[in-house]
PDB file of N, CA and C in Angstrom:
ATOM      1  N   UNK A   1      30.065 -15.709   7.304  1.00  0.00           N
ATOM      2  CA  UNK A   1      29.381 -14.419   7.297  1.00  0.00           C
ATOM      3  C   UNK A   1      28.683 -14.233   5.949  1.00  0.00           C
ATOM      4  N   UNK A   2      27.455 -13.728   5.987  1.00  0.00           N
ATOM      5  CA  UNK A   2      26.692 -13.477   4.765  1.00  0.00           C
ATOM      6  C   UNK A   2      26.988 -12.063   4.281  1.00  0.00           C
ATOM      7  N   UNK A   3      27.260 -11.947   2.989  1.00  0.00           N
ATOM      8  CA  UNK A   3      27.592 -10.632   2.431  1.00  0.00           C
ATOM      9  C   UNK A   3      26.354  -9.736   2.403  1.00  0.00           C
ATOM     10  N   UNK A   4      26.596  -8.441   2.331  1.00  0.00           N
ATOM     11  CA  UNK A   4      25.496  -7.471   2.252  1.00  0.00           C
ATOM     12  C   UNK A   4      24.645  -7.736   1.018  1.00  0.00           C
ATOM     13  N   UNK A   5      25.293  -8.033  -0.117  1.00  0.00           N
ATOM     14  CA  UNK A   5      24.553  -8.289  -1.356  1.00  0.00           C
ATOM     15  C   UNK A   5      23.635  -9.494  -1.196  1.00  0.00           C
ATOM     16  N   UNK A   6      24.107 -10.544  -0.519  1.00  0.00           N
ATOM     17  CA  UNK A   6      23.282 -11.734  -0.320  1.00  0.00           C
ATOM     18  C   UNK A   6      22.098 -11.410   0.590  1.00  0.00           C
ATOM     19  N   UNK A   7      22.336 -10.621   1.643  1.00  0.00           N
ATOM     20  CA  UNK A   7      21.246 -10.227   2.539  1.00  0.00           C
ATOM     21  C   UNK A   7      20.206  -9.415   1.780  1.00  0.00           C
ATOM     22  N   UNK A   8      20.671  -8.480   0.952  1.00  0.00           N
ATOM     23  CA  UNK A   8      19.768  -7.628   0.180  1.00  0.00           C
ATOM     24  C   UNK A   8      18.939  -8.475  -0.767  1.00  0.00           C
ATOM     25  N   UNK A   9      19.583  -9.410  -1.460  1.00  0.00           N
ATOM     26  CA  UNK A   9      18.871 -10.271  -2.402  1.00  0.00           C
ATOM     27  C   UNK A   9      17.830 -11.098  -1.654  1.00  0.00           C
ATOM     28  N   UNK A  10      18.177 -11.641  -0.479  1.00  0.00           N
ATOM     29  CA  UNK A  10      17.244 -12.448   0.291  1.00  0.00           C
ATOM     30  C   UNK A  10      16.046 -11.613   0.733  1.00  0.00           C
ATOM     31  N   UNK A  11      16.290 -10.366   1.129  1.00  0.00           N
ATOM     32  CA  UNK A  11      15.190  -9.495   1.536  1.00  0.00           C
ATOM     33  C   UNK A  11      14.232  -9.249   0.379  1.00  0.00           C
ATOM     34  N   UNK A  12      14.779  -9.039  -0.815  1.00  0.00           N
ATOM     35  CA  UNK A  12      13.929  -8.798  -1.967  1.00  0.00           C
ATOM     36  C   UNK A  12      13.075 -10.022  -2.274  1.00  0.00           C
ATOM     37  N   UNK A  13      13.634 -11.211  -2.158  1.00  0.00           N
ATOM     38  CA  UNK A  13      12.890 -12.429  -2.409  1.00  0.00           C
ATOM     39  C   UNK A  13      11.846 -12.638  -1.314  1.00  0.00           C
ATOM     40  N   UNK A  14      12.217 -12.401  -0.051  1.00  0.00           N
ATOM     41  CA  UNK A  14      11.282 -12.572   1.062  1.00  0.00           C
ATOM     42  C   UNK A  14      10.068 -11.657   0.931  1.00  0.00           C
ATOM     43  N   UNK A  15      10.250 -10.461   0.389  1.00  0.00           N
ATOM     44  CA  UNK A  15       9.125  -9.544   0.219  1.00  0.00           C
ATOM     45  C   UNK A  15       8.048 -10.156  -0.669  1.00  0.00           C
ATOM     46  N   UNK A  16       8.461 -10.889  -1.681  1.00  0.00           N
ATOM     47  CA  UNK A  16       7.511 -11.489  -2.616  1.00  0.00           C
ATOM     48  C   UNK A  16       6.996 -12.836  -2.139  1.00  0.00           C
ATOM     49  N   UNK A  17       7.691 -13.464  -1.222  1.00  0.00           N
ATOM     50  CA  UNK A  17       7.317 -14.798  -0.777  1.00  0.00           C
ATOM     51  C   UNK A  17       5.959 -14.812  -0.092  1.00  0.00           C
ATOM     52  N   UNK A  18       5.551 -13.688   0.491  1.00  0.00           N
ATOM     53  CA  UNK A  18       4.290 -13.639   1.214  1.00  0.00           C
ATOM     54  C   UNK A  18       3.063 -13.529   0.320  1.00  0.00           C
ATOM     55  N   UNK A  19       3.251 -13.282  -0.960  1.00  0.00           N
ATOM     56  CA  UNK A  19       2.100 -13.157  -1.858  1.00  0.00           C
ATOM     57  C   UNK A  19       1.442 -14.516  -2.055  1.00  0.00           C
ATOM     58  N   UNK A  20       0.170 -14.552  -1.851  1.00  0.00           N
ATOM     59  CA  UNK A  20      -0.548 -15.803  -2.055  1.00  0.00           C
ATOM     60  C   UNK A  20      -0.884 -15.961  -3.530  1.00  0.00           C
ATOM     61  N   UNK A  21      -1.285 -17.138  -3.882  1.00  0.00           N
ATOM     62  CA  UNK A  21      -1.667 -17.404  -5.266  1.00  0.00           C
ATOM     63  C   UNK A  21      -2.815 -16.497  -5.692  1.00  0.00           C
ATOM     64  N   UNK A  22      -3.766 -16.273  -4.803  1.00  0.00           N
ATOM     65  CA  UNK A  22      -4.915 -15.415  -5.134  1.00  0.00           C
ATOM     66  C   UNK A  22      -4.466 -13.977  -5.386  1.00  0.00           C
ATOM     67  N   UNK A  23      -3.533 -13.502  -4.552  1.00  0.00           N
ATOM     68  CA  UNK A  23      -3.034 -12.136  -4.734  1.00  0.00           C
ATOM     69  C   UNK A  23      -2.284 -12.025  -6.058  1.00  0.00           C
ATOM     70  N   UNK A  24      -1.473 -13.012  -6.357  1.00  0.00           N
ATOM     71  CA  UNK A  24      -0.731 -12.997  -7.611  1.00  0.00           C
ATOM     72  C   UNK A  24      -1.680 -13.017  -8.797  1.00  0.00           C
ATOM     73  N   UNK A  25      -2.739 -13.816  -8.718  1.00  0.00           N
ATOM     74  CA  UNK A  25      -3.722 -13.876  -9.803  1.00  0.00           C
ATOM     75  C   UNK A  25      -4.417 -12.534  -9.975  1.00  0.00           C
ATOM     76  N   UNK A  26      -4.752 -11.880  -8.865  1.00  0.00           N
ATOM     77  CA  UNK A  26      -5.415 -10.576  -8.935  1.00  0.00           C
ATOM     78  C   UNK A  26      -4.496  -9.535  -9.567  1.00  0.00           C
ATOM     79  N   UNK A  27      -3.238  -9.543  -9.179  1.00  0.00           N
ATOM     80  CA  UNK A  27      -2.288  -8.587  -9.736  1.00  0.00           C
ATOM     81  C   UNK A  27      -1.977  -8.883 -11.199  1.00  0.00           C
ATOM     82  N   UNK A  28      -2.005 -10.148 -11.552  1.00  0.00           N
ATOM     83  CA  UNK A  28      -1.716 -10.554 -12.931  1.00  0.00           C
ATOM     84  C   UNK A  28      -2.708  -9.929 -13.909  1.00  0.00           C
ATOM     85  N   UNK A  29      -3.961  -9.742 -13.453  1.00  0.00           N
ATOM     86  CA  UNK A  29      -4.987  -9.142 -14.319  1.00  0.00           C
ATOM     87  C   UNK A  29      -4.677  -7.688 -14.669  1.00  0.00           C
ATOM     88  N   UNK A  30      -3.805  -7.052 -13.899  1.00  0.00           N
ATOM     89  CA  UNK A  30      -3.461  -5.650 -14.167  1.00  0.00           C
ATOM     90  C   UNK A  30      -2.433  -5.499 -15.280  1.00  0.00           C
ATOM     91  N   UNK A  31      -1.745  -6.583 -15.618  1.00  0.00           N
ATOM     92  CA  UNK A  31      -0.755  -6.514 -16.701  1.00  0.00           C
ATOM     93  C   UNK A  31      -1.436  -6.092 -17.997  1.00  0.00           C
ATOM     94  N   UNK A  32      -0.834  -5.182 -18.691  1.00  0.00           N
ATOM     95  CA  UNK A  32      -1.362  -4.725 -19.965  1.00  0.00           C
ATOM     96  C   UNK A  32      -2.413  -3.636 -19.848  1.00  0.00           C
ATOM     97  N   UNK A  33      -2.825  -3.308 -18.651  1.00  0.00           N
ATOM     98  CA  UNK A  33      -3.811  -2.241 -18.472  1.00  0.00           C
ATOM     99  C   UNK A  33      -3.114  -0.892 -18.520  1.00  0.00           C
ATOM    100  N   UNK A  34      -3.755   0.048 -19.126  1.00  0.00           N
ATOM    101  CA  UNK A  34      -3.202   1.401 -19.183  1.00  0.00           C
ATOM    102  C   UNK A  34      -3.671   2.172 -17.950  1.00  0.00           C
ATOM    103  N   UNK A  35      -2.756   2.858 -17.289  1.00  0.00           N
ATOM    104  CA  UNK A  35      -3.178   3.642 -16.120  1.00  0.00           C
ATOM    105  C   UNK A  35      -4.074   4.801 -16.546  1.00  0.00           C
ATOM    106  N   UNK A  36      -5.011   5.128 -15.690  1.00  0.00           N
ATOM    107  CA  UNK A  36      -5.898   6.260 -15.934  1.00  0.00           C
ATOM    108  C   UNK A  36      -5.583   7.357 -14.935  1.00  0.00           C
ATOM    109  N   UNK A  37      -5.778   8.578 -15.336  1.00  0.00           N
ATOM    110  CA  UNK A  37      -5.534   9.711 -14.452  1.00  0.00           C
ATOM    111  C   UNK A  37      -6.567   9.722 -13.334  1.00  0.00           C
ATOM    112  N   UNK A  38      -6.085   9.887 -12.126  1.00  0.00           N
ATOM    113  CA  UNK A  38      -6.967   9.972 -10.962  1.00  0.00           C
ATOM    114  C   UNK A  38      -7.500  11.401 -10.878  1.00  0.00           C
ATOM    115  N   UNK A  39      -8.811  11.575 -10.732  1.00  0.00           N
ATOM    116  CA  UNK A  39      -9.355  12.926 -10.596  1.00  0.00           C
ATOM    117  C   UNK A  39      -8.736  13.632  -9.391  1.00  0.00           C
ATOM    118  N   UNK A  40      -8.435  14.907  -9.550  1.00  0.00           N
ATOM    119  CA  UNK A  40      -7.772  15.670  -8.492  1.00  0.00           C
ATOM    120  C   UNK A  40      -8.532  15.610  -7.170  1.00  0.00           C
ATOM    121  N   UNK A  41      -9.854  15.735  -7.215  1.00  0.00           N
ATOM    122  CA  UNK A  41     -10.642  15.715  -5.981  1.00  0.00           C
ATOM    123  C   UNK A  41     -10.507  14.374  -5.263  1.00  0.00           C
ATOM    124  N   UNK A  42     -10.495  13.273  -6.016  1.00  0.00           N
ATOM    125  CA  UNK A  42     -10.338  11.959  -5.401  1.00  0.00           C
ATOM    126  C   UNK A  42      -8.961  11.823  -4.755  1.00  0.00           C
ATOM    127  N   UNK A  43      -7.930  12.277  -5.444  1.00  0.00           N
ATOM    128  CA  UNK A  43      -6.574  12.217  -4.892  1.00  0.00           C
ATOM    129  C   UNK A  43      -6.462  13.076  -3.631  1.00  0.00           C
ATOM    130  N   UNK A  44      -7.010  14.278  -3.673  1.00  0.00           N
ATOM    131  CA  UNK A  44      -6.938  15.174  -2.511  1.00  0.00           C
ATOM    132  C   UNK A  44      -7.708  14.612  -1.324  1.00  0.00           C
ATOM    133  N   UNK A  45      -8.902  14.046  -1.582  1.00  0.00           N
ATOM    134  CA  UNK A  45      -9.697  13.471  -0.503  1.00  0.00           C
ATOM    135  C   UNK A  45      -8.984  12.258   0.106  1.00  0.00           C
ATOM    136  N   UNK A  46      -8.349  11.457  -0.731  1.00  0.00           N
ATOM    137  CA  UNK A  46      -7.613  10.294  -0.242  1.00  0.00           C
ATOM    138  C   UNK A  46      -6.462  10.722   0.656  1.00  0.00           C
ATOM    139  N   UNK A  47      -5.725  11.753   0.241  1.00  0.00           N
ATOM    140  CA  UNK A  47      -4.610  12.254   1.050  1.00  0.00           C
ATOM    141  C   UNK A  47      -5.116  12.809   2.373  1.00  0.00           C
ATOM    142  N   UNK A  48      -6.243  13.545   2.346  1.00  0.00           N
ATOM    143  CA  UNK A  48      -6.816  14.067   3.598  1.00  0.00           C
ATOM    144  C   UNK A  48      -7.195  12.927   4.538  1.00  0.00           C
ATOM    145  N   UNK A  49      -7.806  11.867   4.000  1.00  0.00           N
ATOM    146  CA  UNK A  49      -8.185  10.717   4.822  1.00  0.00           C
ATOM    147  C   UNK A  49      -6.960  10.037   5.431  1.00  0.00           C
ATOM    148  N   UNK A  50      -5.923   9.860   4.629  1.00  0.00           N
ATOM    149  CA  UNK A  50      -4.700   9.229   5.134  1.00  0.00           C
ATOM    150  C   UNK A  50      -4.034  10.085   6.209  1.00  0.00           C
ATOM    151  N   UNK A  51      -3.993  11.389   5.999  1.00  0.00           N
ATOM    152  CA  UNK A  51      -3.404  12.291   6.997  1.00  0.00           C
ATOM    153  C   UNK A  51      -4.212  12.273   8.296  1.00  0.00           C
ATOM    154  N   UNK A  52      -5.534  12.273   8.174  1.00  0.00           N
ATOM    155  CA  UNK A  52      -6.386  12.238   9.361  1.00  0.00           C
ATOM    156  C   UNK A  52      -6.195  10.928  10.120  1.00  0.00           C
ATOM    157  N   UNK A  53      -6.110   9.821   9.390  1.00  0.00           N
ATOM    158  CA  UNK A  53      -5.910   8.521  10.041  1.00  0.00           C
ATOM    159  C   UNK A  53      -4.552   8.474  10.729  1.00  0.00           C
ATOM    160  N   UNK A  54      -3.522   9.015  10.099  1.00  0.00           N
ATOM    161  CA  UNK A  54      -2.189   9.029  10.707  1.00  0.00           C
ATOM    162  C   UNK A  54      -2.172   9.910  11.951  1.00  0.00           C
ATOM    163  N   UNK A  55      -2.854  11.053  11.895  1.00  0.00           N
ATOM    164  CA  UNK A  55      -2.893  11.951  13.047  1.00  0.00           C
ATOM    165  C   UNK A  55      -3.631  11.298  14.213  1.00  0.00           C
ATOM    166  N   UNK A  56      -4.735  10.613  13.929  1.00  0.00           N
ATOM    167  CA  UNK A  56      -5.478   9.921  14.981  1.00  0.00           C
ATOM    168  C   UNK A  56      -4.640   8.816  15.606  1.00  0.00           C
ATOM    169  N   UNK A  57      -3.951   8.064  14.776  1.00  0.00           N
ATOM    170  CA  UNK A  57      -3.125   6.971  15.285  1.00  0.00           C
ATOM    171  C   UNK A  57      -2.002   7.540  16.150  1.00  0.00           C
ATOM    172  N   UNK A  58      -1.386   8.631  15.699  1.00  0.00           N
ATOM    173  CA  UNK A  58      -0.282   9.242  16.451  1.00  0.00           C
ATOM    174  C   UNK A  58      -0.751   9.793  17.791  1.00  0.00           C
ATOM    175  N   UNK A  59      -2.000  10.248  17.849  1.00  0.00           N
ATOM    176  CA  UNK A  59      -2.519  10.820  19.095  1.00  0.00           C
ATOM    177  C   UNK A  59      -3.130   9.765  20.010  1.00  0.00           C
ATOM    178  N   UNK A  60      -3.164   8.518  19.546  1.00  0.00           N
ATOM    179  CA  UNK A  60      -3.727   7.450  20.360  1.00  0.00           C
ATOM    180  C   UNK A  60      -5.227   7.350  20.281  1.00  0.00           C
ATOM    181  N   UNK A  61      -5.847   8.095  19.390  1.00  0.00           N
ATOM    182  CA  UNK A  61      -7.311   8.072  19.261  1.00  0.00           C
ATOM    183  C   UNK A  61      -7.744   7.207  18.082  1.00  0.00           C
ATOM    184  N   UNK A  62      -6.985   6.185  17.795  1.00  0.00           N
ATOM    185  CA  UNK A  62      -7.282   5.325  16.654  1.00  0.00           C
ATOM    186  C   UNK A  62      -8.722   4.816  16.730  1.00  0.00           C
ATOM    187  N   UNK A  63      -9.435   4.888  15.631  1.00  0.00           N
ATOM    188  CA  UNK A  63     -10.819   4.415  15.605  1.00  0.00           C
ATOM    189  C   UNK A  63     -10.989   3.454  14.436  1.00  0.00           C
ATOM    190  N   UNK A  64     -12.009   2.680  14.505  1.00  0.00           N
ATOM    191  CA  UNK A  64     -12.286   1.717  13.441  1.00  0.00           C
ATOM    192  C   UNK A  64     -13.096   2.410  12.357  1.00  0.00           C
ATOM    193  N   UNK A  65     -12.650   2.292  11.105  1.00  0.00           N
ATOM    194  CA  UNK A  65     -13.357   2.886   9.996  1.00  0.00           C
ATOM    195  C   UNK A  65     -13.040   4.355   9.833  1.00  0.00           C
ATOM    196  N   UNK A  66     -13.201   4.853   8.634  1.00  0.00           N
ATOM    197  CA  UNK A  66     -12.958   6.255   8.338  1.00  0.00           C
ATOM    198  C   UNK A  66     -14.204   6.857   7.722  1.00  0.00           C
ATOM    199  N   UNK A  67     -14.438   8.084   8.022  1.00  0.00           N
ATOM    200  CA  UNK A  67     -15.562   8.794   7.408  1.00  0.00           C
ATOM    201  C   UNK A  67     -15.090   9.342   6.079  1.00  0.00           C
ATOM    202  N   UNK A  68     -15.879   9.151   5.057  1.00  0.00           N
ATOM    203  CA  UNK A  68     -15.508   9.664   3.741  1.00  0.00           C
ATOM    204  C   UNK A  68     -15.921  11.114   3.547  1.00  0.00           C
ATOM    205  N   UNK A  69     -16.374  11.751   4.595  1.00  0.00           N
ATOM    206  CA  UNK A  69     -16.855  13.133   4.464  1.00  0.00           C
ATOM    207  C   UNK A  69     -15.796  14.180   4.704  1.00  0.00           C
ATOM    208  N   UNK A  70     -14.531  13.777   4.913  1.00  0.00           N
ATOM    209  CA  UNK A  70     -13.481  14.767   5.179  1.00  0.00           C
ATOM    210  C   UNK A  70     -13.269  15.707   4.035  1.00  0.00           C
TER     211      UNK A  70
END
């Protein structure tokens, strides 16, 4: 029987196993970068878009692409 700790450790490793070399290289460039504050309007618009997409998916009206005019 595999212990819970071993299963948990394996899951954590498996999550990273799917990263390709290109993805790792892209993420590596972010090391040392200072985060910048996201403008409130951009954050609010992003949340509205995500909520609209989730509502459409939940209602079965999933569509391709999102309108940025929300």
